[in-house]
Amino acid sequence: MKASFRRWSAPFIIAFVVLFAGCDATSSSSDTVFLTHEFSTDTAGQSVRFTFSSTNMTVNRLTDVSCNCDINIYSFVEEQGFQASDIKSATLVSADIIMLFPISKKIDFLNQAILKFSANGISTTEVANISTFPAAREVAMNVLPNRDIATFLERSAFGAILQLDPATLGANESYDLSIILKVRLELEDSI
């Protein structure tokens, strides 16, 4: 009798636990989803570029250079089945500066670069910087850790400012830099 009871009680207990857990899972709740996205274009599909002339810059002095663009990640978020309002938090994973023009120049003409995000109604926020440049055409910036950028990504558009401190500049020379950004999103997935 006892052996028969044990044989039947174990499956009954397991079935009860599964049923109870299943009922709880069907109730309204939410999960967190993490996504990573890399982008280098603005809302118009153009490269996020920072263009300036040596006549507008001073050697050994930080100067703001705006991308004159609107950036958002709405299309990516919507392709994944979410809305911008689902973003709980976001961080910048990487920011790479690429020298586009002059073609013969390396990025080591700079002393320092600071990347900031800007948007209407939000304080301009530094998100990455660098002060050591290799003799290369591309460089990875140092991303500031634990800097939540969700308020920028939730906006229909935000901008970017690259503060540049050149070590040298060519006479009457135009410069063109682009940037590739990678972000990590934490989204609320309502079930």
Protein backbone atom coordinates (compact mmCIF):
# COMPACT_ATOMS: atom_id res chain seq x y z
CA MET A 1 0.00 0.00 0.00
CA LYS A 2 2.77 2.45 0.95
CA ALA A 3 4.75 1.67 -2.23
CA SER A 4 1.62 2.18 -4.33
CA PHE A 5 0.93 5.53 -2.60
CA ARG A 6 4.50 6.73 -3.24
CA ARG A 7 4.28 5.65 -6.88
CA TRP A 8 1.13 7.74 -7.39
CA SER A 9 1.99 10.67 -5.11
CA ALA A 10 5.21 11.68 -6.94
CA PRO A 11 3.49 12.13 -10.35
CA PHE A 12 0.60 13.94 -8.65
CA ILE A 13 2.96 16.39 -6.94
CA ILE A 14 4.88 17.00 -10.17
CA ALA A 15 1.64 17.57 -12.10
CA PHE A 16 0.42 20.00 -9.41
CA VAL A 17 3.68 22.00 -9.53
CA VAL A 18 3.61 22.16 -13.35
CA LEU A 19 -0.04 23.21 -13.34
CA PHE A 20 0.57 25.87 -10.69
CA ALA A 21 3.65 27.22 -12.47
CA GLY A 22 1.79 27.22 -15.79
CA CYS A 23 -1.06 29.28 -14.36
CA ASP A 24 1.39 31.84 -12.99
CA ALA A 25 3.21 32.12 -16.35
CA THR A 26 -0.01 32.99 -18.19
CA SER A 27 -0.72 35.97 -15.94
CA SER A 28 0.21 39.44 -17.16
CA SER A 29 3.92 40.09 -16.59
CA SER A 30 6.97 41.38 -18.39
CA ASP A 31 10.43 40.14 -19.27
CA THR A 32 13.59 41.98 -20.14
CA VAL A 33 15.13 41.57 -23.58
CA PHE A 34 18.68 42.69 -24.44
CA LEU A 35 19.60 43.71 -27.98
CA THR A 36 22.79 45.10 -29.49
CA HIS A 37 22.74 47.36 -32.52
CA GLU A 38 25.53 48.94 -34.55
CA PHE A 39 24.79 51.96 -36.69
CA SER A 40 26.67 54.61 -38.63
CA THR A 41 23.88 56.43 -40.47
CA ASP A 42 21.35 59.07 -39.54
CA THR A 43 17.58 59.15 -40.13
CA ALA A 44 18.19 60.22 -43.75
CA GLY A 45 20.46 57.20 -44.37
CA GLN A 46 23.59 59.37 -44.54
CA SER A 47 26.83 58.63 -42.65
CA VAL A 48 27.17 60.22 -39.23
CA ARG A 49 29.89 62.66 -40.31
CA PHE A 50 31.84 65.48 -38.75
CA THR A 51 33.15 67.91 -41.36
CA PHE A 52 35.32 70.91 -40.59
CA SER A 53 37.99 73.15 -42.05
CA SER A 54 41.38 74.05 -40.60
CA THR A 55 40.34 77.71 -40.88
CA ASN A 56 37.62 77.08 -38.24
CA MET A 57 39.86 75.18 -35.80
CA THR A 58 42.73 76.13 -33.52
CA VAL A 59 45.63 73.82 -32.72
CA ASN A 60 45.71 72.66 -29.07
CA ARG A 61 42.16 73.86 -28.35
CA LEU A 62 38.95 71.83 -28.06
CA THR A 63 36.34 72.87 -30.61
CA ASP A 64 32.81 71.51 -31.05
CA VAL A 65 32.07 69.90 -34.42
CA SER A 66 28.44 68.87 -34.90
CA CYS A 67 27.37 66.06 -37.18
CA ASN A 68 24.45 68.26 -38.36
CA CYS A 69 22.33 65.14 -38.44
CA ASP A 70 19.41 63.50 -36.70
CA ILE A 71 20.07 60.04 -35.29
CA ASN A 72 17.59 57.47 -34.01
CA ILE A 73 17.22 53.72 -33.79
CA TYR A 74 13.45 53.56 -34.24
CA SER A 75 13.55 51.42 -37.36
CA PHE A 76 15.81 48.83 -35.69
CA VAL A 77 13.69 48.67 -32.53
CA GLU A 78 10.47 48.37 -34.55
CA GLU A 79 11.95 45.62 -36.74
CA GLN A 80 12.52 43.65 -33.53
CA GLY A 81 8.86 44.09 -32.52
CA PHE A 82 9.32 46.87 -29.96
CA GLN A 83 8.64 50.59 -29.59
CA ALA A 84 11.04 53.26 -28.32
CA SER A 85 8.90 53.49 -25.18
CA ASP A 86 9.90 49.86 -24.39
CA ILE A 87 13.54 50.92 -23.81
CA LYS A 88 14.32 50.58 -20.09
CA SER A 89 18.01 51.43 -20.33
CA ALA A 90 20.73 51.70 -22.93
CA THR A 91 24.49 51.98 -22.94
CA LEU A 92 27.07 52.78 -25.56
CA VAL A 93 29.22 49.71 -26.21
CA SER A 94 31.68 51.22 -28.68
CA ALA A 95 32.36 54.34 -30.72
CA ASP A 96 34.87 54.18 -33.57
CA ILE A 97 36.13 57.28 -35.39
CA ILE A 98 37.10 56.82 -39.04
CA MET A 99 39.19 59.28 -41.05
CA LEU A 100 37.48 59.83 -44.41
CA PHE A 101 39.26 62.89 -45.78
CA PRO A 102 42.02 63.86 -46.48
CA ILE A 103 42.66 60.36 -47.77
CA SER A 104 46.41 60.60 -47.12
CA LYS A 105 46.00 61.71 -43.48
CA LYS A 106 45.97 59.47 -40.41
CA ILE A 107 43.90 60.22 -37.32
CA ASP A 108 47.00 60.92 -35.22
CA PHE A 109 46.74 64.62 -36.16
CA LEU A 110 44.49 64.88 -33.06
CA ASN A 111 45.44 65.40 -29.41
CA GLN A 112 42.01 64.61 -28.04
CA ALA A 113 38.43 63.81 -29.06
CA ILE A 114 35.28 63.80 -26.92
CA LEU A 115 31.96 62.41 -28.15
CA LYS A 116 28.76 63.91 -26.75
CA PHE A 117 25.08 63.27 -27.43
CA SER A 118 22.61 66.14 -27.60
CA ALA A 119 18.83 66.45 -27.82
CA ASN A 120 16.19 69.08 -27.13
CA GLY A 121 15.28 69.17 -23.45
CA ILE A 122 18.22 66.95 -22.37
CA SER A 123 21.60 68.09 -21.11
CA THR A 124 24.40 67.38 -23.56
CA THR A 125 26.17 64.28 -22.24
CA GLU A 126 29.71 62.99 -22.79
CA VAL A 127 29.64 59.31 -23.75
CA ALA A 128 33.20 58.56 -24.99
CA ASN A 129 36.64 60.11 -25.32
CA ILE A 130 40.18 59.41 -26.44
CA SER A 131 43.54 61.13 -26.02
CA THR A 132 45.97 58.64 -27.60
CA PHE A 133 45.84 58.24 -31.36
CA PRO A 134 47.65 55.65 -33.48
CA ALA A 135 48.98 56.40 -36.96
CA ALA A 136 45.88 54.75 -38.43
CA ARG A 137 42.69 55.75 -40.21
CA GLU A 138 40.38 54.29 -37.54
CA VAL A 139 40.43 54.44 -33.76
CA ALA A 140 38.21 53.04 -30.98
CA MET A 141 37.20 55.60 -28.36
CA ASN A 142 37.06 54.89 -24.63
CA VAL A 143 33.38 54.54 -23.75
CA LEU A 144 32.37 55.95 -20.37
CA PRO A 145 31.07 53.00 -18.29
CA ASN A 146 27.56 52.85 -16.84
CA ARG A 147 26.38 55.94 -18.73
CA ASP A 148 22.67 55.39 -19.49
CA ILE A 149 21.76 56.89 -22.87
CA ALA A 150 18.15 55.68 -22.99
CA THR A 151 16.76 59.23 -22.82
CA PHE A 152 18.52 60.01 -26.12
CA LEU A 153 17.47 56.78 -27.85
CA GLU A 154 13.84 57.23 -26.84
CA ARG A 155 13.71 60.54 -28.74
CA SER A 156 12.59 60.69 -32.34
CA ALA A 157 16.02 62.22 -33.04
CA PHE A 158 19.20 63.12 -31.22
CA GLY A 159 22.47 64.62 -32.37
CA ALA A 160 26.18 64.05 -31.82
CA ILE A 161 28.98 66.50 -31.14
CA LEU A 162 32.64 65.61 -31.52
CA GLN A 163 34.88 67.94 -29.54
CA LEU A 164 38.25 67.90 -31.28
CA ASP A 165 41.65 69.17 -30.19
CA PRO A 166 44.01 69.03 -33.19
CA ALA A 167 47.77 68.74 -32.70
CA THR A 168 48.42 69.83 -36.29
CA LEU A 169 46.33 71.20 -39.13
CA GLY A 170 47.04 71.63 -42.83
CA ALA A 171 46.66 75.14 -44.23
CA ASN A 172 43.15 75.70 -45.66
CA GLU A 173 42.47 71.96 -45.45
CA SER A 174 39.05 70.30 -45.13
CA TYR A 175 38.58 67.31 -42.83
CA ASP A 176 35.88 64.67 -42.79
CA LEU A 177 35.44 62.09 -40.01
CA SER A 178 32.69 59.53 -39.54
CA ILE A 179 31.67 57.49 -36.54
CA ILE A 180 30.26 54.00 -35.98
CA LEU A 181 28.24 53.53 -32.79
CA LYS A 182 27.26 50.27 -31.11
CA VAL A 183 24.61 50.33 -28.39
CA ARG A 184 23.17 47.75 -26.01
CA LEU A 185 19.47 48.08 -25.32
CA GLU A 186 17.45 46.73 -22.42
CA LEU A 187 13.81 46.53 -23.49
CA GLU A 188 10.68 45.58 -21.62
CA ASP A 189 8.86 42.74 -23.32
CA SER A 190 5.27 42.70 -22.09
CA ILE A 191 3.68 39.27 -22.29
